[in-house]
Protein backbone atom coordinates (compact mmCIF):
# COMPACT_ATOMS: atom_id res chain seq x y z
CA UNK A 1 200.19 138.75 27.33
CA UNK A 2 196.75 137.19 27.05
CA UNK A 3 194.08 138.52 24.74
CA UNK A 4 190.74 136.85 24.11
CA UNK A 5 187.29 137.82 22.86
CA UNK A 6 183.96 137.42 24.59
CA UNK A 7 180.93 137.17 22.32
CA UNK A 8 178.14 138.46 24.53
CA UNK A 9 174.71 137.46 23.21
CA UNK A 10 171.56 138.63 24.93
CA UNK A 11 169.12 135.79 25.61
CA UNK A 12 166.05 135.28 23.43
CA UNK A 13 162.83 137.16 24.11
CA UNK A 14 160.86 135.91 27.11
CA UNK A 15 157.37 136.12 28.56
CA UNK A 16 158.46 138.88 30.97
CA UNK A 17 160.14 140.78 28.12
CA UNK A 18 156.86 140.82 26.20
CA UNK A 19 155.01 142.11 29.27
CA UNK A 20 157.73 144.73 29.98
CA UNK A 21 158.33 143.36 33.46
CA UNK A 22 161.50 143.58 35.54
CA UNK A 23 163.40 140.35 34.95
CA UNK A 24 166.64 140.27 36.88
CA UNK A 25 167.26 137.20 39.00
CA UNK A 26 163.63 136.18 38.47
CA UNK A 27 163.02 134.16 35.33
CA UNK A 28 160.50 133.36 32.63
CA UNK A 29 160.67 131.03 29.62
CA UNK A 30 161.59 131.95 26.07
CA UNK A 31 158.61 132.73 23.88
CA UNK A 32 158.26 130.79 20.60
CA UNK A 33 159.33 133.98 18.79
CA UNK A 34 162.31 134.21 21.16
CA UNK A 35 163.35 130.69 20.23
CA UNK A 36 163.13 131.52 16.52
CA UNK A 37 165.27 134.67 16.84
CA UNK A 38 167.79 132.71 18.91
CA UNK A 39 167.91 130.09 16.13
CA UNK A 40 168.63 132.85 13.60
CA UNK A 41 171.46 134.12 15.79
CA UNK A 42 172.74 130.56 16.15
CA UNK A 43 172.99 130.12 12.38
CA UNK A 44 174.81 133.45 12.07
CA UNK A 45 177.34 132.29 14.67
CA UNK A 46 177.60 128.68 13.48
CA UNK A 47 181.04 129.12 11.91
CA UNK A 48 182.57 131.09 14.78
CA UNK A 49 185.38 129.00 16.22
CA UNK A 50 184.35 129.16 19.88
CA UNK A 51 186.76 127.69 22.43
CA UNK A 52 184.51 128.09 25.48
CA UNK A 53 180.75 128.39 25.88
CA UNK A 54 179.08 130.05 28.86
CA UNK A 55 175.77 131.49 29.93
CA UNK A 56 174.46 132.96 33.14
CA UNK A 57 172.69 130.43 35.34
CA UNK A 58 169.17 131.64 34.46
CA UNK A 59 166.91 129.34 32.44
CA UNK A 60 166.46 131.88 29.66
CA UNK A 61 170.21 132.30 29.17
CA UNK A 62 170.92 128.57 29.36
CA UNK A 63 168.16 127.83 26.84
CA UNK A 64 169.58 130.41 24.42
CA UNK A 65 173.13 129.07 24.81
CA UNK A 66 171.88 125.55 24.08
CA UNK A 67 170.25 126.75 20.84
CA UNK A 68 173.40 128.60 19.75
CA UNK A 69 175.80 125.76 20.49
CA UNK A 70 173.54 123.21 18.81
CA UNK A 71 174.30 124.98 15.51
CA UNK A 72 177.98 125.67 16.16
CA UNK A 73 180.68 123.70 14.36
CA UNK A 74 182.43 123.01 17.69
CA UNK A 75 180.92 120.48 20.06
CA UNK A 76 181.60 122.24 23.37
CA UNK A 77 180.34 121.59 26.86
CA UNK A 78 178.26 124.53 28.07
CA UNK A 79 179.07 126.06 31.45
CA UNK A 80 177.20 128.52 33.64
CA UNK A 81 178.72 131.60 35.25
CA UNK A 82 176.41 133.26 37.76
CA UNK A 83 178.49 136.44 37.91
CA UNK A 84 177.08 137.48 34.54
CA UNK A 85 173.46 137.32 35.64
CA UNK A 86 171.22 140.33 35.11
CA UNK A 87 171.11 143.14 37.66
CA UNK A 88 169.25 142.08 40.82
CA UNK A 89 166.13 144.26 41.16
CA UNK A 90 165.26 143.11 44.68
CA UNK A 91 161.77 144.16 45.77
CA UNK A 92 160.99 145.25 42.21
CA UNK A 93 161.49 141.84 40.57
CA UNK A 94 158.50 140.95 38.39
CA UNK A 95 156.93 144.42 38.52
CA UNK A 96 156.13 146.46 35.42
CA UNK A 97 159.27 148.29 34.31
CA UNK A 98 157.61 151.63 33.62
CA UNK A 99 156.20 151.72 37.16
CA UNK A 100 159.52 150.71 38.72
CA UNK A 101 161.55 153.39 36.97
CA UNK A 102 158.94 155.99 37.88
CA UNK A 103 159.23 155.00 41.55
CA UNK A 104 163.02 154.96 41.29
CA UNK A 105 163.64 158.14 39.33
CA UNK A 106 160.68 160.51 39.54
CA UNK A 107 161.72 162.00 42.88
CA UNK A 108 165.08 162.75 41.24
CA UNK A 109 163.50 164.48 38.26
CA UNK A 110 163.64 161.70 35.67
CA UNK A 111 161.10 158.83 35.65
CA UNK A 112 162.77 156.59 33.03
CA UNK A 113 165.79 154.29 32.95
CA UNK A 114 167.62 156.04 30.10
CA UNK A 115 166.67 159.39 31.64
CA UNK A 116 168.49 158.42 34.84
CA UNK A 117 171.51 157.30 32.79
CA UNK A 118 171.57 160.60 30.87
CA UNK A 119 171.16 162.80 33.94
CA UNK A 120 173.10 160.96 36.63
CA UNK A 121 175.13 158.24 34.92
CA UNK A 122 174.77 154.48 34.71
CA UNK A 123 175.75 153.69 38.29
CA UNK A 124 172.87 155.84 39.55
CA UNK A 125 170.36 153.37 38.08
CA UNK A 126 171.66 150.79 40.56
CA UNK A 127 172.10 153.13 43.52
CA UNK A 128 168.74 154.89 43.19
CA UNK A 129 166.94 151.56 42.85
CA UNK A 130 168.53 150.21 46.02
CA UNK A 131 167.55 153.45 47.75
CA UNK A 132 163.94 153.11 46.53
CA UNK A 133 163.70 149.40 47.45
CA UNK A 134 161.87 149.31 50.82
CA UNK A 135 163.96 146.28 51.84
CA UNK A 136 167.16 147.47 50.11
CA UNK A 137 167.57 144.05 48.49
CA UNK A 138 168.39 145.49 45.05
CA UNK A 139 172.06 145.64 44.04
CA UNK A 140 173.83 148.96 44.21
CA UNK A 141 176.61 149.79 41.76
CA UNK A 142 179.41 148.68 44.09
CA UNK A 143 177.82 145.26 44.63
CA UNK A 144 177.06 144.87 40.94
CA UNK A 145 180.53 145.72 39.62
CA UNK A 146 182.22 143.59 42.27
CA UNK A 147 180.19 140.63 40.96
CA UNK A 148 181.00 141.40 37.32
CA UNK A 149 184.72 141.85 38.04
CA UNK A 150 184.74 138.49 39.80
CA UNK A 151 183.21 136.98 36.66
CA UNK A 152 186.04 138.34 34.51
CA UNK A 153 188.56 136.95 36.99
CA UNK A 154 186.96 133.51 36.58
CA UNK A 155 187.19 133.73 32.79
CA UNK A 156 190.82 134.87 32.96
CA UNK A 157 191.70 131.59 34.67
CA UNK A 158 190.38 129.43 31.83
CA UNK A 159 190.60 131.52 28.63
CA UNK A 160 193.78 131.22 26.59
CA UNK A 161 195.39 133.72 24.26
CA UNK A 162 193.37 134.00 21.05
CA UNK A 163 190.28 132.27 22.44
CA UNK A 164 186.73 133.15 21.46
CA UNK A 165 184.27 132.77 24.32
CA UNK A 166 180.49 132.63 23.90
CA UNK A 167 178.68 134.18 26.86
CA UNK A 168 174.88 134.44 26.83
CA UNK A 169 173.88 137.19 29.24
CA UNK A 170 171.32 139.94 29.79
CA UNK A 171 170.18 143.39 28.72
CA UNK A 172 171.40 145.57 31.58
CA UNK A 173 174.54 143.50 32.05
CA UNK A 174 175.60 143.89 28.42
CA UNK A 175 174.49 147.53 28.29
CA UNK A 176 176.45 148.40 31.43
CA UNK A 177 179.59 146.78 30.02
CA UNK A 178 179.17 148.69 26.75
CA UNK A 179 178.63 151.98 28.60
CA UNK A 180 181.81 151.45 30.60
CA UNK A 181 184.12 149.89 28.02
CA UNK A 182 183.09 151.03 24.52
CA UNK A 183 185.59 152.69 22.19
CA UNK A 184 184.96 156.48 21.79
CA UNK A 185 183.55 156.26 18.26
CA UNK A 186 180.92 153.66 19.22
CA UNK A 187 177.51 155.10 20.09
CA UNK A 188 175.62 153.47 22.96
CA UNK A 189 172.13 154.95 22.88
CA UNK A 190 169.86 151.98 23.56
CA UNK A 191 169.79 148.70 25.44
CA UNK A 192 170.67 145.57 23.43
CA UNK A 193 168.01 143.68 21.54
CA UNK A 194 167.22 140.05 22.29
CA UNK A 195 169.77 137.68 20.69
CA UNK A 196 171.95 140.60 19.53
CA UNK A 197 175.75 140.39 19.60
CA UNK A 198 178.24 142.51 21.53
CA UNK A 199 181.95 141.69 21.29
CA UNK A 200 184.34 142.52 24.12
CA UNK A 201 188.10 142.27 23.67
CA UNK A 202 189.97 141.54 26.90
CA UNK A 203 193.74 141.97 26.93
CA UNK A 204 195.67 141.51 30.17
CA UNK A 205 192.63 142.54 32.21
CA UNK A 206 191.73 145.57 30.07
CA UNK A 207 188.34 145.57 28.32
CA UNK A 208 187.32 147.20 25.05
CA UNK A 209 184.03 146.98 23.15
CA UNK A 210 183.90 147.91 19.45
CA UNK A 211 180.81 145.89 18.41
CA UNK A 212 177.52 146.49 20.23
CA UNK A 213 173.93 145.35 19.76
CA UNK A 214 174.54 143.81 16.35
CA UNK A 215 171.39 142.12 15.09
CA UNK A 216 172.30 138.70 13.74
CA UNK A 217 170.63 137.60 10.51
């Protein structure tokens, strides 16, 4: 039996976050305020006995992981894991989020992201976006979950029983995991804040989330 914990932290606030633009595989730098909130999170996590430290391979995630591990008591090498990138928005990368979700959902009776989740379920946010993408570059749910599952398989090969793994990731990625794997009594009614903490327990390939979107102070 192997059980380990993944401490998912959303990256610090970025330029695109402030402008409410779609930021999937596209990237923008952390804002000064994003750096400061990441530093606060780093201090809150400084005594966590991490055994492994990861981030997605985006600049914003790597920068946040660097800030966190600079404060941590363990001097660990940071690794990247591309499987835990944000959702790929394809044609819609860099566009204003409100406009994108209107294009994606309005013809289906709900012009907002959370509206699509409430009416059709989480996977529909991926599938309807790919359908609306004129080039169909955006990930659908099957492509997305295949990527995420491959990421867990990678971690399973290196994580040992009892390990704590830092993994700096992204809003939709963390939200989708929480939607799928949260314990029944945990309410998931918003996307995670920048530099917030979500803890996933993984035991013999089975995931469970009991801490979500915890603001670190």
